[in-house]
């Protein structure tokens, strides 16, 4: 599923994987999320509810990855390599990949609103 990400500095696009968690995220769309900067490497923000299908998690990330942090119901956009590429337990669920506009997300600042919708 292709998505459009609208934020104050412009737009980005992404693709959500076909998984239980990915389909559950798509069922929430459109959704507006209050995003923030974390460690100059990621932009997380809380979804309105927990996602179903959170079974497999990873303790690493890739730049451009869209992930889900279950403890706080955050969707996360990984924008930079911190040299470690590590995530603490319980890890993240892979939801998809940013396909264009990652630099727009990275430059969005410490606090901003993002609307996520089907493309």
PDB file of N, CA and C in Angstrom:
ATOM      1  N   UNK A   1       0.838  -1.176   0.000  1.00  0.00           N
ATOM      2  CA  UNK A   1       0.000   0.000   0.000  1.00  0.00           C
ATOM      3  C   UNK A   1       0.884   1.241   0.000  1.00  0.00           C
ATOM      4  N   UNK A   2       0.643   2.130  -0.918  1.00  0.00           N
ATOM      5  CA  UNK A   2       1.384   3.378  -0.999  1.00  0.00           C
ATOM      6  C   UNK A   2       0.713   4.425  -0.128  1.00  0.00           C
ATOM      7  N   UNK A   3       1.547   5.234   0.553  1.00  0.00           N
ATOM      8  CA  UNK A   3       1.035   6.283   1.427  1.00  0.00           C
ATOM      9  C   UNK A   3       1.671   7.621   1.076  1.00  0.00           C
ATOM     10  N   UNK A   4       0.946   8.692   1.438  1.00  0.00           N
ATOM     11  CA  UNK A   4       1.447  10.054   1.299  1.00  0.00           C
ATOM     12  C   UNK A   4       1.591  10.631   2.708  1.00  0.00           C
ATOM     13  N   UNK A   5       2.703  11.305   2.949  1.00  0.00           N
ATOM     14  CA  UNK A   5       3.004  11.904   4.242  1.00  0.00           C
ATOM     15  C   UNK A   5       3.064  13.411   4.033  1.00  0.00           C
ATOM     16  N   UNK A   6       2.150  14.148   4.657  1.00  0.00           N
ATOM     17  CA  UNK A   6       2.102  15.599   4.518  1.00  0.00           C
ATOM     18  C   UNK A   6       2.558  16.231   5.817  1.00  0.00           C
ATOM     19  N   UNK A   7       3.542  17.138   5.707  1.00  0.00           N
ATOM     20  CA  UNK A   7       4.056  17.832   6.876  1.00  0.00           C
ATOM     21  C   UNK A   7       4.348  19.271   6.487  1.00  0.00           C
ATOM     22  N   UNK A   8       4.606  20.152   7.455  1.00  0.00           N
ATOM     23  CA  UNK A   8       4.743  21.573   7.143  1.00  0.00           C
ATOM     24  C   UNK A   8       5.754  21.906   6.045  1.00  0.00           C
ATOM     25  N   UNK A   9       6.844  21.173   5.932  1.00  0.00           N
ATOM     26  CA  UNK A   9       7.874  21.483   4.945  1.00  0.00           C
ATOM     27  C   UNK A   9       7.655  20.861   3.586  1.00  0.00           C
ATOM     28  N   UNK A  10       6.594  20.087   3.404  1.00  0.00           N
ATOM     29  CA  UNK A  10       6.347  19.445   2.118  1.00  0.00           C
ATOM     30  C   UNK A  10       5.726  18.070   2.281  1.00  0.00           C
ATOM     31  N   UNK A  11       5.987  17.219   1.318  1.00  0.00           N
ATOM     32  CA  UNK A  11       5.418  15.876   1.309  1.00  0.00           C
ATOM     33  C   UNK A  11       6.492  14.822   1.121  1.00  0.00           C
ATOM     34  N   UNK A  12       6.151  13.623   1.528  1.00  0.00           N
ATOM     35  CA  UNK A  12       6.979  12.448   1.304  1.00  0.00           C
ATOM     36  C   UNK A  12       6.030  11.317   0.919  1.00  0.00           C
ATOM     37  N   UNK A  13       6.581  10.227   0.427  1.00  0.00           N
ATOM     38  CA  UNK A  13       5.772   9.057   0.108  1.00  0.00           C
ATOM     39  C   UNK A  13       6.412   7.833   0.743  1.00  0.00           C
ATOM     40  N   UNK A  14       5.616   6.803   0.885  1.00  0.00           N
ATOM     41  CA  UNK A  14       6.122   5.563   1.450  1.00  0.00           C
ATOM     42  C   UNK A  14       5.324   4.382   0.958  1.00  0.00           C
ATOM     43  N   UNK A  15       5.792   3.220   1.319  1.00  0.00           N
ATOM     44  CA  UNK A  15       5.092   1.989   0.992  1.00  0.00           C
ATOM     45  C   UNK A  15       5.025   1.140   2.240  1.00  0.00           C
ATOM     46  N   UNK A  16       3.819   0.673   2.570  1.00  0.00           N
ATOM     47  CA  UNK A  16       3.578  -0.148   3.747  1.00  0.00           C
ATOM     48  C   UNK A  16       3.576  -1.614   3.331  1.00  0.00           C
ATOM     49  N   UNK A  17       4.257  -2.443   4.125  1.00  0.00           N
ATOM     50  CA  UNK A  17       4.330  -3.878   3.825  1.00  0.00           C
ATOM     51  C   UNK A  17       2.985  -4.548   4.065  1.00  0.00           C
ATOM     52  N   UNK A  18       2.772  -5.659   3.366  1.00  0.00           N
ATOM     53  CA  UNK A  18       1.545  -6.441   3.529  1.00  0.00           C
ATOM     54  C   UNK A  18       1.745  -7.409   4.695  1.00  0.00           C
ATOM     55  N   UNK A  19       1.390  -6.942   5.884  1.00  0.00           N
ATOM     56  CA  UNK A  19       1.468  -7.745   7.103  1.00  0.00           C
ATOM     57  C   UNK A  19       0.250  -7.390   7.948  1.00  0.00           C
ATOM     58  N   UNK A  20       0.017  -8.125   9.014  1.00  0.00           N
ATOM     59  CA  UNK A  20      -1.121  -7.814   9.892  1.00  0.00           C
ATOM     60  C   UNK A  20      -0.980  -6.398  10.444  1.00  0.00           C
ATOM     61  N   UNK A  21       0.214  -6.060  10.950  1.00  0.00           N
ATOM     62  CA  UNK A  21       0.430  -4.717  11.495  1.00  0.00           C
ATOM     63  C   UNK A  21       0.327  -3.656  10.405  1.00  0.00           C
ATOM     64  N   UNK A  22       0.869  -3.931   9.222  1.00  0.00           N
ATOM     65  CA  UNK A  22       0.783  -2.987   8.108  1.00  0.00           C
ATOM     66  C   UNK A  22      -0.646  -2.738   7.682  1.00  0.00           C
ATOM     67  N   UNK A  23      -1.441  -3.795   7.570  1.00  0.00           N
ATOM     68  CA  UNK A  23      -2.846  -3.631   7.199  1.00  0.00           C
ATOM     69  C   UNK A  23      -3.616  -2.898   8.288  1.00  0.00           C
ATOM     70  N   UNK A  24      -3.269  -3.131   9.559  1.00  0.00           N
ATOM     71  CA  UNK A  24      -3.949  -2.427  10.640  1.00  0.00           C
ATOM     72  C   UNK A  24      -3.612  -0.940  10.598  1.00  0.00           C
ATOM     73  N   UNK A  25      -2.352  -0.594  10.304  1.00  0.00           N
ATOM     74  CA  UNK A  25      -2.002   0.815  10.146  1.00  0.00           C
ATOM     75  C   UNK A  25      -2.830   1.448   9.035  1.00  0.00           C
ATOM     76  N   UNK A  26      -2.923   0.779   7.894  1.00  0.00           N
ATOM     77  CA  UNK A  26      -3.686   1.308   6.766  1.00  0.00           C
ATOM     78  C   UNK A  26      -5.150   1.512   7.145  1.00  0.00           C
ATOM     79  N   UNK A  27      -5.684   0.656   8.025  1.00  0.00           N
ATOM     80  CA  UNK A  27      -7.094   0.805   8.442  1.00  0.00           C
ATOM     81  C   UNK A  27      -7.323   2.081   9.240  1.00  0.00           C
ATOM     82  N   UNK A  28      -6.258   2.665   9.810  1.00  0.00           N
ATOM     83  CA  UNK A  28      -6.367   3.912  10.575  1.00  0.00           C
ATOM     84  C   UNK A  28      -6.360   5.156   9.683  1.00  0.00           C
ATOM     85  N   UNK A  29      -5.934   5.004   8.443  1.00  0.00           N
ATOM     86  CA  UNK A  29      -5.728   6.159   7.570  1.00  0.00           C
ATOM     87  C   UNK A  29      -7.027   6.748   7.053  1.00  0.00           C
ATOM     88  N   UNK A  30      -7.089   8.074   6.908  1.00  0.00           N
ATOM     89  CA  UNK A  30      -6.033   9.040   7.195  1.00  0.00           C
ATOM     90  C   UNK A  30      -5.920   9.306   8.701  1.00  0.00           C
ATOM     91  N   UNK A  31      -4.712   9.610   9.133  1.00  0.00           N
ATOM     92  CA  UNK A  31      -4.463   9.913  10.538  1.00  0.00           C
ATOM     93  C   UNK A  31      -3.458  11.059  10.622  1.00  0.00           C
ATOM     94  N   UNK A  32      -3.671  11.943  11.583  1.00  0.00           N
ATOM     95  CA  UNK A  32      -2.731  13.034  11.830  1.00  0.00           C
ATOM     96  C   UNK A  32      -2.026  12.752  13.150  1.00  0.00           C
ATOM     97  N   UNK A  33      -0.690  12.836  13.122  1.00  0.00           N
ATOM     98  CA  UNK A  33       0.131  12.446  14.264  1.00  0.00           C
ATOM     99  C   UNK A  33       1.038  13.614  14.657  1.00  0.00           C
ATOM    100  N   UNK A  34       1.145  13.858  15.958  1.00  0.00           N
ATOM    101  CA  UNK A  34       2.090  14.846  16.485  1.00  0.00           C
ATOM    102  C   UNK A  34       3.450  14.177  16.585  1.00  0.00           C
ATOM    103  N   UNK A  35       4.382  14.609  15.745  1.00  0.00           N
ATOM    104  CA  UNK A  35       5.700  13.999  15.652  1.00  0.00           C
ATOM    105  C   UNK A  35       6.726  14.824  16.432  1.00  0.00           C
ATOM    106  N   UNK A  36       7.836  14.190  16.778  1.00  0.00           N
ATOM    107  CA  UNK A  36       8.939  14.879  17.446  1.00  0.00           C
ATOM    108  C   UNK A  36      10.252  14.240  17.016  1.00  0.00           C
ATOM    109  N   UNK A  37      11.351  14.864  17.355  1.00  0.00           N
ATOM    110  CA  UNK A  37      12.667  14.343  17.019  1.00  0.00           C
ATOM    111  C   UNK A  37      13.220  13.548  18.198  1.00  0.00           C
ATOM    112  N   UNK A  38      13.863  12.421  17.909  1.00  0.00           N
ATOM    113  CA  UNK A  38      14.488  11.616  18.950  1.00  0.00           C
ATOM    114  C   UNK A  38      15.897  11.239  18.487  1.00  0.00           C
ATOM    115  N   UNK A  39      16.895  11.675  19.239  1.00  0.00           N
ATOM    116  CA  UNK A  39      18.300  11.330  19.006  1.00  0.00           C
ATOM    117  C   UNK A  39      18.845  11.791  17.649  1.00  0.00           C
ATOM    118  N   UNK A  40      18.198  12.751  17.001  1.00  0.00           N
ATOM    119  CA  UNK A  40      18.624  13.217  15.671  1.00  0.00           C
ATOM    120  C   UNK A  40      18.698  12.078  14.659  1.00  0.00           C
ATOM    121  N   UNK A  41      17.956  10.998  14.908  1.00  0.00           N
ATOM    122  CA  UNK A  41      17.981   9.868  13.973  1.00  0.00           C
ATOM    123  C   UNK A  41      16.597   9.377  13.591  1.00  0.00           C
ATOM    124  N   UNK A  42      15.585   9.787  14.354  1.00  0.00           N
ATOM    125  CA  UNK A  42      14.242   9.279  14.089  1.00  0.00           C
ATOM    126  C   UNK A  42      13.187  10.305  14.465  1.00  0.00           C
ATOM    127  N   UNK A  43      12.023  10.172  13.793  1.00  0.00           N
ATOM    128  CA  UNK A  43      10.878  11.034  14.050  1.00  0.00           C
ATOM    129  C   UNK A  43       9.708  10.127  14.435  1.00  0.00           C
ATOM    130  N   UNK A  44       9.455   9.967  15.744  1.00  0.00           N
ATOM    131  CA  UNK A  44       8.322   9.173  16.198  1.00  0.00           C
ATOM    132  C   UNK A  44       7.113  10.044  16.540  1.00  0.00           C
ATOM    133  N   UNK A  45       5.958   9.397  16.614  1.00  0.00           N
ATOM    134  CA  UNK A  45       4.738  10.049  17.052  1.00  0.00           C
ATOM    135  C   UNK A  45       3.686   9.005  17.372  1.00  0.00           C
ATOM    136  N   UNK A  46       2.843   9.258  18.379  1.00  0.00           N
ATOM    137  CA  UNK A  46       1.881   8.251  18.822  1.00  0.00           C
ATOM    138  C   UNK A  46       0.669   8.114  17.896  1.00  0.00           C
ATOM    139  N   UNK A  47       0.365   6.880  17.547  1.00  0.00           N
ATOM    140  CA  UNK A  47      -0.860   6.579  16.816  1.00  0.00           C
ATOM    141  C   UNK A  47      -2.040   6.616  17.787  1.00  0.00           C
ATOM    142  N   UNK A  48      -3.265   6.742  17.286  1.00  0.00           N
ATOM    143  CA  UNK A  48      -4.416   6.828  18.187  1.00  0.00           C
ATOM    144  C   UNK A  48      -4.687   5.565  19.006  1.00  0.00           C
ATOM    145  N   UNK A  49      -4.131   4.427  18.571  1.00  0.00           N
ATOM    146  CA  UNK A  49      -4.312   3.169  19.301  1.00  0.00           C
ATOM    147  C   UNK A  49      -3.186   2.221  18.928  1.00  0.00           C
ATOM    148  N   UNK A  50      -3.092   1.145  19.687  1.00  0.00           N
ATOM    149  CA  UNK A  50      -2.103   0.101  19.404  1.00  0.00           C
ATOM    150  C   UNK A  50      -2.441  -0.589  18.082  1.00  0.00           C
ATOM    151  N   UNK A  51      -1.423  -1.075  17.392  1.00  0.00           N
ATOM    152  CA  UNK A  51      -1.625  -1.843  16.169  1.00  0.00           C
ATOM    153  C   UNK A  51      -1.719  -3.326  16.495  1.00  0.00           C
ATOM    154  N   UNK A  52      -2.576  -4.019  15.772  1.00  0.00           N
ATOM    155  CA  UNK A  52      -2.675  -5.470  15.879  1.00  0.00           C
ATOM    156  C   UNK A  52      -1.533  -6.105  15.090  1.00  0.00           C
ATOM    157  N   UNK A  53      -1.235  -7.348  15.397  1.00  0.00           N
ATOM    158  CA  UNK A  53      -0.265  -8.106  14.615  1.00  0.00           C
ATOM    159  C   UNK A  53       1.181  -7.826  14.959  1.00  0.00           C
ATOM    160  N   UNK A  54       1.426  -7.348  16.167  1.00  0.00           N
ATOM    161  CA  UNK A  54       2.800  -7.072  16.587  1.00  0.00           C
ATOM    162  C   UNK A  54       3.389  -8.376  17.108  1.00  0.00           C
ATOM    163  N   UNK A  55       4.067  -9.096  16.208  1.00  0.00           N
ATOM    164  CA  UNK A  55       4.631 -10.383  16.594  1.00  0.00           C
ATOM    165  C   UNK A  55       6.139 -10.391  16.436  1.00  0.00           C
ATOM    166  N   UNK A  56       6.635 -10.065  15.260  1.00  0.00           N
ATOM    167  CA  UNK A  56       8.076 -10.074  15.021  1.00  0.00           C
ATOM    168  C   UNK A  56       8.635  -8.675  15.185  1.00  0.00           C
ATOM    169  N   UNK A  57       9.673  -8.558  16.001  1.00  0.00           N
ATOM    170  CA  UNK A  57      10.334  -7.278  16.190  1.00  0.00           C
ATOM    171  C   UNK A  57      11.812  -7.419  15.847  1.00  0.00           C
ATOM    172  N   UNK A  58      12.457  -6.274  15.618  1.00  0.00           N
ATOM    173  CA  UNK A  58      13.883  -6.257  15.303  1.00  0.00           C
ATOM    174  C   UNK A  58      14.581  -5.275  16.232  1.00  0.00           C
ATOM    175  N   UNK A  59      15.836  -5.538  16.521  1.00  0.00           N
ATOM    176  CA  UNK A  59      16.635  -4.675  17.392  1.00  0.00           C
ATOM    177  C   UNK A  59      17.579  -3.778  16.596  1.00  0.00           C
ATOM    178  N   UNK A  60      17.359  -3.704  15.285  1.00  0.00           N
ATOM    179  CA  UNK A  60      18.122  -2.813  14.417  1.00  0.00           C
ATOM    180  C   UNK A  60      17.153  -2.086  13.495  1.00  0.00           C
ATOM    181  N   UNK A  61      17.643  -1.010  12.891  1.00  0.00           N
ATOM    182  CA  UNK A  61      16.829  -0.262  11.940  1.00  0.00           C
ATOM    183  C   UNK A  61      17.675   0.111  10.729  1.00  0.00           C
ATOM    184  N   UNK A  62      17.008   0.577   9.681  1.00  0.00           N
ATOM    185  CA  UNK A  62      17.683   1.077   8.486  1.00  0.00           C
ATOM    186  C   UNK A  62      17.168   2.481   8.205  1.00  0.00           C
ATOM    187  N   UNK A  63      18.034   3.340   7.702  1.00  0.00           N
ATOM    188  CA  UNK A  63      17.618   4.680   7.313  1.00  0.00           C
ATOM    189  C   UNK A  63      16.548   4.554   6.230  1.00  0.00           C
ATOM    190  N   UNK A  64      15.445   5.284   6.400  1.00  0.00           N
ATOM    191  CA  UNK A  64      14.325   5.224   5.471  1.00  0.00           C
ATOM    192  C   UNK A  64      13.238   4.255   5.899  1.00  0.00           C
ATOM    193  N   UNK A  65      13.490   3.493   6.933  1.00  0.00           N
ATOM    194  CA  UNK A  65      12.529   2.518   7.413  1.00  0.00           C
ATOM    195  C   UNK A  65      11.377   3.208   8.157  1.00  0.00           C
ATOM    196  N   UNK A  66      10.182   2.659   8.004  1.00  0.00           N
ATOM    197  CA  UNK A  66       9.020   3.046   8.795  1.00  0.00           C
ATOM    198  C   UNK A  66       8.804   1.917   9.791  1.00  0.00           C
ATOM    199  N   UNK A  67       8.791   2.247  11.072  1.00  0.00           N
ATOM    200  CA  UNK A  67       8.656   1.229  12.107  1.00  0.00           C
ATOM    201  C   UNK A  67       7.550   1.563  13.086  1.00  0.00           C
ATOM    202  N   UNK A  68       7.338   0.639  14.005  1.00  0.00           N
ATOM    203  CA  UNK A  68       6.310   0.802  15.042  1.00  0.00           C
ATOM    204  C   UNK A  68       6.918   0.375  16.368  1.00  0.00           C
ATOM    205  N   UNK A  69       6.832   1.254  17.362  1.00  0.00           N
ATOM    206  CA  UNK A  69       7.312   0.999  18.725  1.00  0.00           C
ATOM    207  C   UNK A  69       6.075   0.740  19.582  1.00  0.00           C
ATOM    208  N   UNK A  70       5.827  -0.522  19.900  1.00  0.00           N
ATOM    209  CA  UNK A  70       4.595  -0.928  20.574  1.00  0.00           C
ATOM    210  C   UNK A  70       4.388  -0.330  21.973  1.00  0.00           C
ATOM    211  N   UNK A  71       5.435  -0.174  22.805  1.00  0.00           N
ATOM    212  CA  UNK A  71       5.175   0.322  24.161  1.00  0.00           C
ATOM    213  C   UNK A  71       4.431   1.660  24.218  1.00  0.00           C
ATOM    214  N   UNK A  72       4.679   2.556  23.256  1.00  0.00           N
ATOM    215  CA  UNK A  72       3.990   3.853  23.275  1.00  0.00           C
ATOM    216  C   UNK A  72       3.128   4.064  22.031  1.00  0.00           C
ATOM    217  N   UNK A  73       2.910   3.008  21.245  1.00  0.00           N
ATOM    218  CA  UNK A  73       2.083   3.053  20.033  1.00  0.00           C
ATOM    219  C   UNK A  73       2.605   4.060  19.016  1.00  0.00           C
ATOM    220  N   UNK A  74       3.943   4.232  18.939  1.00  0.00           N
ATOM    221  CA  UNK A  74       4.536   5.222  18.044  1.00  0.00           C
ATOM    222  C   UNK A  74       4.839   4.650  16.667  1.00  0.00           C
ATOM    223  N   UNK A  75       4.469   5.405  15.648  1.00  0.00           N
ATOM    224  CA  UNK A  75       5.002   5.168  14.309  1.00  0.00           C
ATOM    225  C   UNK A  75       6.315   5.936  14.257  1.00  0.00           C
ATOM    226  N   UNK A  76       7.316   5.373  13.594  1.00  0.00           N
ATOM    227  CA  UNK A  76       8.655   5.969  13.589  1.00  0.00           C
ATOM    228  C   UNK A  76       9.191   6.002  12.166  1.00  0.00           C
ATOM    229  N   UNK A  77       9.783   7.137  11.822  1.00  0.00           N
ATOM    230  CA  UNK A  77      10.465   7.294  10.541  1.00  0.00           C
ATOM    231  C   UNK A  77      11.944   7.486  10.838  1.00  0.00           C
ATOM    232  N   UNK A  78      12.773   6.536  10.431  1.00  0.00           N
ATOM    233  CA  UNK A  78      14.210   6.588  10.706  1.00  0.00           C
ATOM    234  C   UNK A  78      14.882   7.419   9.615  1.00  0.00           C
ATOM    235  N   UNK A  79      15.513   8.524  10.026  1.00  0.00           N
ATOM    236  CA  UNK A  79      16.032   9.501   9.079  1.00  0.00           C
ATOM    237  C   UNK A  79      17.556   9.577   9.020  1.00  0.00           C
ATOM    238  N   UNK A  80      18.263   8.960   9.956  1.00  0.00           N
ATOM    239  CA  UNK A  80      19.724   9.073   9.978  1.00  0.00           C
ATOM    240  C   UNK A  80      20.358   7.840  10.604  1.00  0.00           C
ATOM    241  N   UNK A  81      21.596   7.620  10.249  1.00  0.00           N
ATOM    242  CA  UNK A  81      22.404   6.534  10.785  1.00  0.00           C
ATOM    243  C   UNK A  81      23.218   7.090  11.949  1.00  0.00           C
ATOM    244  N   UNK A  82      22.984   6.570  13.145  1.00  0.00           N
ATOM    245  CA  UNK A  82      23.722   7.057  14.318  1.00  0.00           C
ATOM    246  C   UNK A  82      25.020   6.274  14.554  1.00  0.00           C
ATOM    247  N   UNK A  83      25.367   5.397  13.615  1.00  0.00           N
ATOM    248  CA  UNK A  83      26.577   4.601  13.747  1.00  0.00           C
ATOM    249  C   UNK A  83      26.370   3.298  14.489  1.00  0.00           C
ATOM    250  N   UNK A  84      25.222   3.131  15.125  1.00  0.00           N
ATOM    251  CA  UNK A  84      24.925   1.902  15.868  1.00  0.00           C
ATOM    252  C   UNK A  84      23.794   1.120  15.216  1.00  0.00           C
ATOM    253  N   UNK A  85      22.770   1.835  14.745  1.00  0.00           N
ATOM    254  CA  UNK A  85      21.590   1.241  14.116  1.00  0.00           C
ATOM    255  C   UNK A  85      20.884   0.253  15.047  1.00  0.00           C
ATOM    256  N   UNK A  86      20.941   0.519  16.347  1.00  0.00           N
ATOM    257  CA  UNK A  86      20.351  -0.388  17.338  1.00  0.00           C
ATOM    258  C   UNK A  86      19.105   0.216  17.979  1.00  0.00           C
ATOM    259  N   UNK A  87      18.191  -0.648  18.332  1.00  0.00           N
ATOM    260  CA  UNK A  87      16.947  -0.297  19.011  1.00  0.00           C
ATOM    261  C   UNK A  87      16.879  -1.117  20.300  1.00  0.00           C
ATOM    262  N   UNK A  88      16.460  -0.523  21.424  1.00  0.00           N
ATOM    263  CA  UNK A  88      16.348  -1.310  22.660  1.00  0.00           C
ATOM    264  C   UNK A  88      15.174  -2.299  22.610  1.00  0.00           C
ATOM    265  N   UNK A  89      15.170  -3.233  23.530  1.00  0.00           N
ATOM    266  CA  UNK A  89      14.040  -4.161  23.681  1.00  0.00           C
ATOM    267  C   UNK A  89      12.776  -3.354  23.957  1.00  0.00           C
ATOM    268  N   UNK A  90      11.627  -3.706  23.478  1.00  0.00           N
ATOM    269  CA  UNK A  90      11.291  -4.942  22.779  1.00  0.00           C
ATOM    270  C   UNK A  90      11.516  -4.896  21.279  1.00  0.00           C
ATOM    271  N   UNK A  91      12.180  -3.867  20.773  1.00  0.00           N
ATOM    272  CA  UNK A  91      12.444  -3.763  19.345  1.00  0.00           C
ATOM    273  C   UNK A  91      11.296  -3.115  18.596  1.00  0.00           C
ATOM    274  N   UNK A  92      11.485  -2.967  17.290  1.00  0.00           N
ATOM    275  CA  UNK A  92      10.469  -2.338  16.445  1.00  0.00           C
ATOM    276  C   UNK A  92       9.884  -3.335  15.466  1.00  0.00           C
ATOM    277  N   UNK A  93       8.677  -3.031  15.044  1.00  0.00           N
ATOM    278  CA  UNK A  93       8.004  -3.802  14.007  1.00  0.00           C
ATOM    279  C   UNK A  93       8.222  -3.059  12.691  1.00  0.00           C
ATOM    280  N   UNK A  94       8.661  -3.757  11.674  1.00  0.00           N
ATOM    281  CA  UNK A  94       8.862  -3.145  10.360  1.00  0.00           C
ATOM    282  C   UNK A  94       7.501  -2.946   9.698  1.00  0.00           C
ATOM    283  N   UNK A  95       7.185  -1.685   9.348  1.00  0.00           N
ATOM    284  CA  UNK A  95       5.927  -1.371   8.677  1.00  0.00           C
ATOM    285  C   UNK A  95       6.104  -1.040   7.206  1.00  0.00           C
ATOM    286  N   UNK A  96       7.273  -0.527   6.842  1.00  0.00           N
ATOM    287  CA  UNK A  96       7.453  -0.137   5.454  1.00  0.00           C
ATOM    288  C   UNK A  96       8.692   0.700   5.259  1.00  0.00           C
ATOM    289  N   UNK A  97       8.702   1.435   4.136  1.00  0.00           N
ATOM    290  CA  UNK A  97       9.859   2.221   3.733  1.00  0.00           C
ATOM    291  C   UNK A  97       9.405   3.555   3.156  1.00  0.00           C
ATOM    292  N   UNK A  98      10.145   4.621   3.477  1.00  0.00           N
ATOM    293  CA  UNK A  98       9.935   5.912   2.837  1.00  0.00           C
ATOM    294  C   UNK A  98      10.537   5.807   1.441  1.00  0.00           C
ATOM    295  N   UNK A  99       9.742   6.106   0.405  1.00  0.00           N
ATOM    296  CA  UNK A  99      10.213   5.965  -0.974  1.00  0.00           C
ATOM    297  C   UNK A  99      10.668   7.288  -1.584  1.00  0.00           C
ATOM    298  N   UNK A 100      10.210   8.412  -1.046  1.00  0.00           N
ATOM    299  CA  UNK A 100      10.683   9.728  -1.483  1.00  0.00           C
ATOM    300  C   UNK A 100      10.422  10.737  -0.369  1.00  0.00           C
ATOM    301  N   UNK A 101      11.256  11.776  -0.312  1.00  0.00           N
ATOM    302  CA  UNK A 101      11.045  12.852   0.647  1.00  0.00           C
ATOM    303  C   UNK A 101      11.592  12.619   2.036  1.00  0.00           C
ATOM    304  N   UNK A 102      12.496  11.656   2.192  1.00  0.00           N
ATOM    305  CA  UNK A 102      13.060  11.406   3.522  1.00  0.00           C
ATOM    306  C   UNK A 102      13.737  12.662   4.071  1.00  0.00           C
ATOM    307  N   UNK A 103      14.365  13.432   3.198  1.00  0.00           N
ATOM    308  CA  UNK A 103      15.029  14.660   3.637  1.00  0.00           C
ATOM    309  C   UNK A 103      14.023  15.679   4.181  1.00  0.00           C
ATOM    310  N   UNK A 104      12.804  15.670   3.668  1.00  0.00           N
ATOM    311  CA  UNK A 104      11.754  16.564   4.173  1.00  0.00           C
ATOM    312  C   UNK A 104      11.373  16.181   5.595  1.00  0.00           C
ATOM    313  N   UNK A 105      11.256  14.887   5.851  1.00  0.00           N
ATOM    314  CA  UNK A 105      10.946  14.420   7.200  1.00  0.00           C
ATOM    315  C   UNK A 105      12.105  14.749   8.137  1.00  0.00           C
ATOM    316  N   UNK A 106      13.325  14.505   7.696  1.00  0.00           N
ATOM    317  CA  UNK A 106      14.508  14.763   8.528  1.00  0.00           C
ATOM    318  C   UNK A 106      14.619  16.231   8.906  1.00  0.00           C
ATOM    319  N   UNK A 107      14.233  17.128   8.004  1.00  0.00           N
ATOM    320  CA  UNK A 107      14.360  18.569   8.231  1.00  0.00           C
ATOM    321  C   UNK A 107      13.145  19.187   8.924  1.00  0.00           C
ATOM    322  N   UNK A 108      12.194  18.386   9.325  1.00  0.00           N
ATOM    323  CA  UNK A 108      10.927  18.911   9.859  1.00  0.00           C
ATOM    324  C   UNK A 108      11.046  19.546  11.238  1.00  0.00           C
ATOM    325  N   UNK A 109      12.147  19.337  11.927  1.00  0.00           N
ATOM    326  CA  UNK A 109      12.342  19.976  13.226  1.00  0.00           C
ATOM    327  C   UNK A 109      12.026  19.069  14.397  1.00  0.00           C
ATOM    328  N   UNK A 110      11.968  19.693  15.570  1.00  0.00           N
ATOM    329  CA  UNK A 110      11.780  18.944  16.810  1.00  0.00           C
ATOM    330  C   UNK A 110      10.335  18.584  17.104  1.00  0.00           C
ATOM    331  N   UNK A 111       9.388  19.337  16.537  1.00  0.00           N
ATOM    332  CA  UNK A 111       7.975  19.114  16.819  1.00  0.00           C
ATOM    333  C   UNK A 111       7.158  19.570  15.617  1.00  0.00           C
ATOM    334  N   UNK A 112       6.354  18.651  15.071  1.00  0.00           N
ATOM    335  CA  UNK A 112       5.547  18.981  13.898  1.00  0.00           C
ATOM    336  C   UNK A 112       4.393  17.993  13.774  1.00  0.00           C
ATOM    337  N   UNK A 113       3.433  18.344  12.938  1.00  0.00           N
ATOM    338  CA  UNK A 113       2.279  17.490  12.670  1.00  0.00           C
ATOM    339  C   UNK A 113       2.456  16.843  11.314  1.00  0.00           C
ATOM    340  N   UNK A 114       2.170  15.537  11.240  1.00  0.00           N
ATOM    341  CA  UNK A 114       2.238  14.801   9.976  1.00  0.00           C
ATOM    342  C   UNK A 114       0.892  14.114   9.742  1.00  0.00           C
ATOM    343  N   UNK A 115       0.377  14.270   8.528  1.00  0.00           N
ATOM    344  CA  UNK A 115      -0.820  13.541   8.145  1.00  0.00           C
ATOM    345  C   UNK A 115      -0.408  12.401   7.224  1.00  0.00           C
ATOM    346  N   UNK A 116      -0.866  11.217   7.568  1.00  0.00           N
ATOM    347  CA  UNK A 116      -0.557  10.020   6.797  1.00  0.00           C
ATOM    348  C   UNK A 116      -1.848   9.550   6.138  1.00  0.00           C
ATOM    349  N   UNK A 117      -1.815   9.371   4.817  1.00  0.00           N
ATOM    350  CA  UNK A 117      -3.014   8.941   4.091  1.00  0.00           C
ATOM    351  C   UNK A 117      -2.625   8.026   2.952  1.00  0.00           C
ATOM    352  N   UNK A 118      -3.609   7.323   2.412  1.00  0.00           N
ATOM    353  CA  UNK A 118      -3.363   6.487   1.252  1.00  0.00           C
ATOM    354  C   UNK A 118      -3.019   7.367   0.064  1.00  0.00           C
ATOM    355  N   UNK A 119      -2.101   6.904  -0.761  1.00  0.00           N
ATOM    356  CA  UNK A 119      -1.705   7.677  -1.946  1.00  0.00           C
ATOM    357  C   UNK A 119      -2.563   7.282  -3.138  1.00  0.00           C
TER     358      UNK A 119
END
